[in-house]
Amino acid sequence: MLNSKIQWYDENNFPEIVADSPENGFSIIIIPATSTVHIKYAKEAPKYENLFYKQIIGWISGVLLEELDKKSPKVMNGQTGEMSDQKAIVLHATLPDQKIASIGIINIFKQGSGDTITFEGSGFEVKSCFINGQKFNFADYLIQNKTDLKLPLVANYQGAMVNVSFQRIDEENQIVYLYAPVFKDTEYKLAASVGNYVESFKSKLPSDLTDPNFSCNCILNYLYSELEGKKTGNIVGPITFGEIAFQLLNQTLVYLTIQNR
């Protein structure tokens, strides 16, 4: 690398990440789960100017599963030891001209053949939705259809399948909680069933991908596919509470490679 720098970002200067990210290089971002910056980035990043022209990748930090709702996830500046549960930390790295970085996304899910689901607002918490244009309570719809919540909602973003994973259903208050926001007027479908998670990942791996420079995989993939003691090809890296490849993703594996031009 020619040079690198580590910077903090809060809810006020988050959009500056894109401008600060090098023209030839990459940025690795870590955001504490459930923080204000987590929610802000999830909702607003897809609208950041030139986001998809930069190589921004990273993850959402979490806690041990048994400590959920007991401890707040944090991030740390490894150079200074400073920690925060409300700011994001980013490494911006510039590469020499003969090198180039690129991001890859492995998503084993695709849209199923069922109902088309849209929402009248954007966010992590949903009450009402439209099923094929007809208004329903989303919690009631999922319960009545005995929906497998291990399968995410999937939207087709100009050919790229983007998942929104389910956290839980609050039946008493009829609210569905999600791990990523849904967006107003975007068409979603429940994902088609997946047979063998591990084999599905292996089948999606590019044949020439042997040793990526960085990767991370979703904790839901780890739990639902029982990845303990198993491998997803030659890709290794942290298990995370959400993946970032330009925008926030769920139930995906993301990776970064650095190659000669």
Protein backbone atom coordinates (compact mmCIF):
# COMPACT_ATOMS: atom_id res chain seq x y z
CA MET A 1 0.00 0.00 0.00
CA LEU A 2 1.16 3.54 -0.74
CA ASN A 3 -0.46 4.92 2.38
CA SER A 4 -3.32 4.31 4.79
CA LYS A 5 -5.20 6.19 7.45
CA ILE A 6 -7.72 5.32 10.14
CA GLN A 7 -10.66 7.65 10.76
CA TRP A 8 -13.71 7.82 13.01
CA TYR A 9 -17.12 8.68 11.59
CA ASP A 10 -20.30 9.60 13.43
CA GLU A 11 -23.86 10.25 12.29
CA ASN A 12 -22.96 13.79 11.22
CA ASN A 13 -20.07 13.08 8.85
CA PHE A 14 -20.96 9.57 7.61
CA PRO A 15 -21.50 10.56 3.96
CA GLU A 16 -17.88 11.79 3.85
CA ILE A 17 -16.73 8.15 3.88
CA VAL A 18 -17.26 7.91 0.12
CA ALA A 19 -15.29 11.07 -0.66
CA ASP A 20 -12.51 10.00 1.74
CA SER A 21 -12.25 6.52 0.21
CA PRO A 22 -9.32 6.43 -2.25
CA GLU A 23 -9.85 6.43 -5.99
CA ASN A 24 -7.52 3.43 -6.30
CA GLY A 25 -7.65 1.39 -3.13
CA PHE A 26 -10.20 0.26 -0.61
CA SER A 27 -11.85 1.12 2.69
CA ILE A 28 -12.61 -1.33 5.49
CA ILE A 29 -15.41 -0.18 7.79
CA ILE A 30 -16.59 -1.57 11.13
CA ILE A 31 -19.86 -0.30 12.65
CA PRO A 32 -21.20 -1.26 16.11
CA ALA A 33 -24.53 -3.09 15.90
CA THR A 34 -27.72 -1.29 17.03
CA SER A 35 -25.92 2.07 17.12
CA THR A 36 -27.23 5.25 15.56
CA VAL A 37 -24.57 5.02 12.84
CA HIS A 38 -25.60 1.41 12.07
CA ILE A 39 -29.18 2.48 11.42
CA LYS A 40 -28.15 5.61 9.54
CA TYR A 41 -25.73 3.81 7.24
CA ALA A 42 -28.21 1.01 6.56
CA LYS A 43 -30.94 3.45 5.56
CA GLU A 44 -28.94 6.11 3.75
CA ALA A 45 -25.79 4.56 2.25
CA PRO A 46 -27.45 3.37 -0.99
CA LYS A 47 -28.19 7.03 -1.72
CA TYR A 48 -24.61 8.27 -1.13
CA GLU A 49 -23.19 9.79 -4.30
CA ASN A 50 -20.57 7.59 -6.02
CA LEU A 51 -20.87 4.86 -3.36
CA PHE A 52 -20.74 2.05 -5.91
CA TYR A 53 -17.61 3.49 -7.56
CA LYS A 54 -15.55 2.97 -4.41
CA GLN A 55 -14.40 -0.31 -2.80
CA ILE A 56 -16.01 -0.06 0.65
CA ILE A 57 -16.27 -3.31 2.58
CA GLY A 58 -16.55 -4.37 6.21
CA TRP A 59 -18.90 -5.61 8.87
CA ILE A 60 -21.19 -4.88 11.79
CA SER A 61 -19.58 -5.70 15.13
CA GLY A 62 -21.55 -7.64 17.73
CA VAL A 63 -21.23 -9.44 21.05
CA LEU A 64 -21.38 -13.04 22.18
CA LEU A 65 -24.86 -14.35 21.45
CA GLU A 66 -25.50 -15.02 25.13
CA GLU A 67 -24.71 -11.35 25.85
CA LEU A 68 -27.23 -9.85 23.43
CA ASP A 69 -29.21 -7.06 25.13
CA LYS A 70 -26.68 -7.13 28.00
CA LYS A 71 -23.62 -5.50 26.42
CA SER A 72 -23.30 -2.90 23.69
CA PRO A 73 -21.23 -3.83 20.63
CA LYS A 74 -18.14 -1.68 20.19
CA VAL A 75 -15.37 -0.88 17.73
CA MET A 76 -11.75 0.06 18.46
CA ASN A 77 -9.01 2.13 16.89
CA GLY A 78 -6.14 -0.33 17.10
CA GLN A 79 -3.55 2.46 16.93
CA THR A 80 -4.84 4.39 19.94
CA GLY A 81 -7.02 1.92 21.88
CA GLU A 82 -9.98 4.30 21.71
CA MET A 83 -13.33 2.48 21.75
CA SER A 84 -16.84 3.53 20.80
CA ASP A 85 -20.33 2.05 20.67
CA GLN A 86 -21.73 4.98 18.65
CA LYS A 87 -19.11 5.70 15.97
CA ALA A 88 -17.77 3.76 13.00
CA ILE A 89 -14.07 3.16 12.40
CA VAL A 90 -12.69 3.08 8.86
CA LEU A 91 -9.32 2.15 7.36
CA HIS A 92 -8.72 3.93 4.05
CA ALA A 93 -5.90 2.32 2.04
CA THR A 94 -4.43 3.61 -1.23
CA LEU A 95 -2.88 1.10 -3.64
CA PRO A 96 -0.08 1.65 -6.17
CA ASP A 97 -1.17 2.17 -9.76
CA GLN A 98 -0.28 -1.38 -10.81
CA LYS A 99 -2.68 -2.87 -8.24
CA ILE A 100 -6.47 -2.85 -8.14
CA ALA A 101 -8.99 -3.86 -5.45
CA SER A 102 -12.38 -5.38 -6.15
CA ILE A 103 -15.27 -6.56 -4.00
CA GLY A 104 -17.21 -9.79 -4.41
CA ILE A 105 -20.53 -10.85 -2.88
CA ILE A 106 -21.69 -14.44 -2.46
CA ASN A 107 -25.42 -14.79 -1.85
CA ILE A 108 -26.88 -18.27 -1.97
CA PHE A 109 -30.44 -16.95 -1.91
CA LYS A 110 -32.69 -15.99 -4.76
CA GLN A 111 -36.28 -14.85 -4.91
CA GLY A 112 -38.91 -17.53 -4.52
CA SER A 113 -41.97 -17.77 -6.72
CA GLY A 114 -44.41 -16.52 -4.09
CA ASP A 115 -46.13 -13.22 -3.36
CA THR A 116 -44.70 -9.81 -4.19
CA ILE A 117 -44.26 -7.81 -0.98
CA THR A 118 -43.85 -4.02 -0.79
CA PHE A 119 -43.80 -1.55 2.09
CA GLU A 120 -45.19 1.93 2.55
CA GLY A 121 -42.17 3.08 4.53
CA SER A 122 -38.48 2.24 5.06
CA GLY A 123 -36.96 0.83 8.24
CA PHE A 124 -35.98 -2.06 10.50
CA GLU A 125 -39.43 -2.39 12.12
CA VAL A 126 -42.50 -3.19 10.04
CA LYS A 127 -46.20 -3.30 10.84
CA SER A 128 -48.03 -3.06 7.54
CA CYS A 129 -47.16 -4.24 4.06
CA PHE A 130 -48.75 -4.80 0.68
CA ILE A 131 -49.09 -8.37 -0.59
CA ASN A 132 -49.60 -8.28 -4.35
CA GLY A 133 -50.97 -4.78 -3.84
CA GLN A 134 -53.35 -5.62 -0.99
CA LYS A 135 -52.65 -4.21 2.48
CA PHE A 136 -51.90 -6.65 5.33
CA ASN A 137 -50.33 -6.67 8.75
CA PHE A 138 -46.90 -8.14 8.05
CA ALA A 139 -46.70 -10.14 11.29
CA ASP A 140 -50.10 -11.71 10.61
CA TYR A 141 -49.09 -12.57 7.06
CA LEU A 142 -45.90 -14.32 8.14
CA ILE A 143 -47.61 -16.24 10.96
CA GLN A 144 -50.61 -17.31 8.90
CA ASN A 145 -48.32 -18.60 6.14
CA LYS A 146 -46.03 -20.39 8.64
CA THR A 147 -43.08 -18.60 7.10
CA ASP A 148 -39.62 -20.03 7.73
CA LEU A 149 -37.82 -16.99 9.15
CA LYS A 150 -34.45 -18.53 8.29
CA LEU A 151 -35.21 -17.52 4.71
CA PRO A 152 -34.79 -13.77 4.13
CA LEU A 153 -36.70 -11.31 2.05
CA VAL A 154 -34.92 -10.84 -1.27
CA ALA A 155 -35.01 -7.81 -3.56
CA ASN A 156 -33.62 -7.67 -7.08
CA TYR A 157 -31.46 -4.54 -7.32
CA GLN A 158 -30.71 -4.34 -11.05
CA GLY A 159 -29.69 -7.98 -11.17
CA ALA A 160 -28.06 -8.17 -7.73
CA MET A 161 -29.99 -10.15 -5.11
CA VAL A 162 -30.02 -8.30 -1.76
CA ASN A 163 -31.30 -9.97 1.41
CA VAL A 164 -33.16 -8.58 4.39
CA SER A 165 -33.10 -11.05 7.29
CA PHE A 166 -35.73 -11.55 9.95
CA GLN A 167 -34.85 -10.91 13.58
CA ARG A 168 -38.14 -11.78 15.28
CA ILE A 169 -41.89 -11.30 15.29
CA ASP A 170 -43.52 -9.45 18.19
CA GLU A 171 -46.92 -11.13 18.04
CA GLU A 172 -48.43 -9.06 20.87
CA ASN A 173 -47.67 -5.72 19.19
CA GLN A 174 -47.82 -7.11 15.63
CA ILE A 175 -44.37 -5.83 14.67
CA VAL A 176 -41.75 -7.59 12.56
CA TYR A 177 -38.14 -6.77 13.46
CA LEU A 178 -35.48 -7.03 10.75
CA TYR A 179 -31.67 -7.06 10.64
CA ALA A 180 -31.56 -4.60 7.73
CA PRO A 181 -34.09 -2.03 6.56
CA VAL A 182 -36.65 -2.60 3.87
CA PHE A 183 -37.14 0.29 1.48
CA LYS A 184 -40.34 1.95 0.40
CA ASP A 185 -41.82 0.75 -2.89
CA THR A 186 -39.08 -1.85 -3.44
CA GLU A 187 -40.43 -5.25 -4.48
CA TYR A 188 -39.45 -8.16 -2.23
CA LYS A 189 -40.14 -11.87 -2.28
CA LEU A 190 -39.41 -14.51 0.31
CA ALA A 191 -36.30 -16.48 -0.61
CA ALA A 192 -36.53 -19.86 -2.24
CA SER A 193 -35.54 -22.77 0.00
CA VAL A 194 -31.89 -23.80 0.07
CA GLY A 195 -30.96 -27.46 0.30
CA ASN A 196 -27.37 -27.71 1.54
CA TYR A 197 -25.91 -24.40 2.74
CA VAL A 198 -22.25 -25.42 2.59
CA GLU A 199 -22.52 -26.95 -0.87
CA SER A 200 -24.50 -23.93 -2.05
CA PHE A 201 -21.67 -21.64 -0.93
CA LYS A 202 -19.06 -23.80 -2.62
CA SER A 203 -21.01 -23.79 -5.87
CA LYS A 204 -21.14 -19.97 -5.81
CA LEU A 205 -17.41 -19.48 -5.25
CA PRO A 206 -15.54 -18.26 -8.36
CA SER A 207 -13.24 -21.02 -9.60
CA ASP A 208 -10.21 -18.69 -9.54
CA LEU A 209 -10.83 -17.38 -6.01
CA THR A 210 -8.26 -19.09 -3.78
CA ASP A 211 -7.01 -16.59 -1.23
CA PRO A 212 -8.97 -13.32 -0.90
CA ASN A 213 -7.29 -10.52 1.04
CA PHE A 214 -10.34 -10.03 3.24
CA SER A 215 -13.69 -11.72 3.80
CA CYS A 216 -16.49 -12.06 6.34
CA ASN A 217 -19.64 -14.15 6.60
CA CYS A 218 -22.98 -13.57 8.31
CA ILE A 219 -23.65 -15.08 11.73
CA LEU A 220 -27.06 -16.23 10.47
CA ASN A 221 -25.34 -18.32 7.81
CA TYR A 222 -23.13 -19.75 10.55
CA LEU A 223 -26.10 -20.63 12.76
CA TYR A 224 -28.61 -21.81 10.18
CA SER A 225 -26.16 -23.90 8.19
CA GLU A 226 -24.35 -25.24 11.26
CA LEU A 227 -20.95 -24.16 9.96
CA GLU A 228 -19.11 -25.16 13.15
CA GLY A 229 -16.19 -27.32 11.98
CA LYS A 230 -17.07 -26.83 8.29
CA LYS A 231 -15.49 -24.76 5.53
CA THR A 232 -16.82 -22.44 2.86
CA GLY A 233 -14.15 -23.25 0.32
CA ASN A 234 -10.83 -21.49 0.99
CA ILE A 235 -12.49 -18.35 2.31
CA VAL A 236 -11.85 -17.56 5.96
CA GLY A 237 -12.68 -14.52 8.06
CA PRO A 238 -14.85 -13.25 10.90
CA ILE A 239 -18.48 -14.20 11.45
CA THR A 240 -20.38 -10.92 11.67
CA PHE A 241 -23.66 -9.28 12.65
CA GLY A 242 -24.05 -7.86 9.16
CA GLU A 243 -21.84 -7.47 6.12
CA ILE A 244 -20.96 -4.34 4.22
CA ALA A 245 -20.16 -4.43 0.53
CA PHE A 246 -20.94 -0.86 -0.46
CA GLN A 247 -24.24 -1.04 1.52
CA LEU A 248 -25.43 -3.12 4.46
CA LEU A 249 -26.16 -6.75 3.57
CA ASN A 250 -27.59 -9.78 5.41
CA GLN A 251 -26.93 -13.53 5.09
CA THR A 252 -24.13 -13.04 2.59
CA LEU A 253 -20.41 -13.67 2.35
CA VAL A 254 -18.37 -10.71 1.11
CA TYR A 255 -14.72 -10.59 0.10
CA LEU A 256 -12.01 -8.26 -1.19
CA THR A 257 -9.22 -9.16 -3.61
CA ILE A 258 -6.16 -7.15 -4.62
CA GLN A 259 -4.74 -8.02 -8.02
CA ASN A 260 -2.33 -6.75 -10.65
CA ARG A 261 -3.93 -4.66 -13.35
